[in-house]
Protein backbone atom coordinates (compact mmCIF):
# COMPACT_ATOMS: atom_id res chain seq x y z
CA UNK A 1 80.13 112.05 91.06
CA UNK A 2 77.82 112.77 93.81
CA UNK A 3 78.98 115.27 96.64
CA UNK A 4 77.52 115.21 99.92
CA UNK A 5 77.61 118.98 101.08
CA UNK A 6 76.17 118.66 104.53
CA UNK A 7 78.25 115.31 105.49
CA UNK A 8 74.98 113.32 106.24
CA UNK A 9 75.67 110.32 103.95
CA UNK A 10 78.33 107.89 104.91
CA UNK A 11 78.52 105.97 101.68
CA UNK A 12 82.05 107.24 100.62
CA UNK A 13 83.35 106.16 104.02
CA UNK A 14 81.67 102.50 103.63
CA UNK A 15 83.01 102.40 100.18
CA UNK A 16 86.51 103.48 101.44
CA UNK A 17 86.33 100.59 104.02
CA UNK A 18 85.11 97.93 101.58
CA UNK A 19 88.20 99.01 99.19
CA UNK A 20 90.67 99.09 101.89
CA UNK A 21 89.29 95.39 103.27
CA UNK A 22 89.65 93.99 99.79
CA UNK A 23 93.16 95.52 99.21
CA UNK A 24 94.53 93.73 102.48
CA UNK A 25 92.40 90.66 101.80
CA UNK A 26 94.36 90.14 98.55
CA UNK A 27 97.50 91.36 99.44
CA UNK A 28 97.37 88.72 102.70
CA UNK A 29 96.61 85.95 100.42
CA UNK A 30 99.18 86.70 97.79
CA UNK A 31 101.79 86.98 100.63
CA UNK A 32 100.90 84.07 102.14
CA UNK A 33 100.75 81.90 98.73
CA UNK A 34 104.36 83.44 97.65
CA UNK A 35 106.07 82.79 100.92
CA UNK A 36 108.48 79.63 101.05
CA UNK A 37 105.97 76.74 101.98
CA UNK A 38 103.17 77.73 100.18
CA UNK A 39 99.59 78.79 101.26
CA UNK A 40 98.83 75.62 103.15
CA UNK A 41 101.70 76.02 105.70
CA UNK A 42 101.57 80.15 105.82
CA UNK A 43 97.80 80.74 106.19
CA UNK A 44 96.73 81.98 109.69
CA UNK A 45 93.08 82.91 109.83
CA UNK A 46 93.54 84.90 112.68
CA UNK A 47 96.17 87.22 110.74
CA UNK A 48 93.85 87.24 107.87
CA UNK A 49 90.91 88.68 109.41
CA UNK A 50 93.46 91.35 111.22
CA UNK A 51 94.62 92.62 108.11
CA UNK A 52 91.26 92.93 106.73
CA UNK A 53 90.26 94.96 110.07
CA UNK A 54 93.30 96.93 109.36
CA UNK A 55 92.47 97.62 105.93
CA UNK A 56 88.74 98.57 106.63
CA UNK A 57 90.32 100.97 109.35
CA UNK A 58 92.74 102.74 106.99
CA UNK A 59 90.19 102.82 104.11
CA UNK A 60 87.67 104.71 106.71
CA UNK A 61 90.34 107.35 107.48
CA UNK A 62 91.57 107.67 104.03
CA UNK A 63 87.80 108.10 102.52
CA UNK A 64 87.28 110.97 105.07
CA UNK A 65 90.91 112.53 104.49
CA UNK A 66 89.95 112.46 100.83
CA UNK A 67 86.76 114.22 101.07
CA UNK A 68 87.87 116.97 103.60
CA UNK A 69 90.77 117.23 101.18
CA UNK A 70 88.15 117.87 98.08
CA UNK A 71 86.32 120.54 100.24
CA UNK A 72 89.75 122.24 101.01
CA UNK A 73 90.68 122.41 97.23
CA UNK A 74 87.12 123.53 96.16
CA UNK A 75 87.35 126.23 98.93
CA UNK A 76 90.89 127.40 97.98
CA UNK A 77 90.07 127.48 94.45
CA UNK A 78 86.88 129.68 94.84
CA UNK A 79 88.66 132.17 97.28
CA UNK A 80 91.74 132.35 94.91
CA UNK A 81 89.69 132.98 91.74
CA UNK A 82 86.51 134.79 92.63
CA UNK A 83 87.66 136.94 95.81
CA UNK A 84 90.53 139.57 95.91
CA UNK A 85 93.39 138.16 98.02
CA UNK A 86 94.66 140.30 100.71
CA UNK A 87 98.33 139.58 99.70
CA UNK A 88 97.32 140.62 96.17
CA UNK A 89 96.25 144.21 97.61
CA UNK A 90 98.63 144.88 100.30
CA UNK A 91 101.55 143.44 98.33
CA UNK A 92 100.91 146.38 95.67
CA UNK A 93 101.00 149.17 98.19
CA UNK A 94 104.60 150.58 98.92
CA UNK A 95 105.58 152.11 102.13
CA UNK A 96 108.22 154.73 102.06
CA UNK A 97 108.52 154.41 106.00
């Protein structure tokens, strides 16, 4: 998996938007088809596009959060396993005061 270390690529965000859009489009279509009256009486093109837009927005932010979370986990893992943690040093010193 390609990692973008300096954040110049927006491919991950675009993929997140596309996935969110597709999921919401499919969800709206299934909801309209399964509701009483069927898809012909429940379909609203405006609501369909609104659902797709909300999916794109949520996919954009979800992809950004995922990338930030991966950076945090990677940093924490490196800090925990390759550096001395202050709590480990100071926790082992007993003070009689």
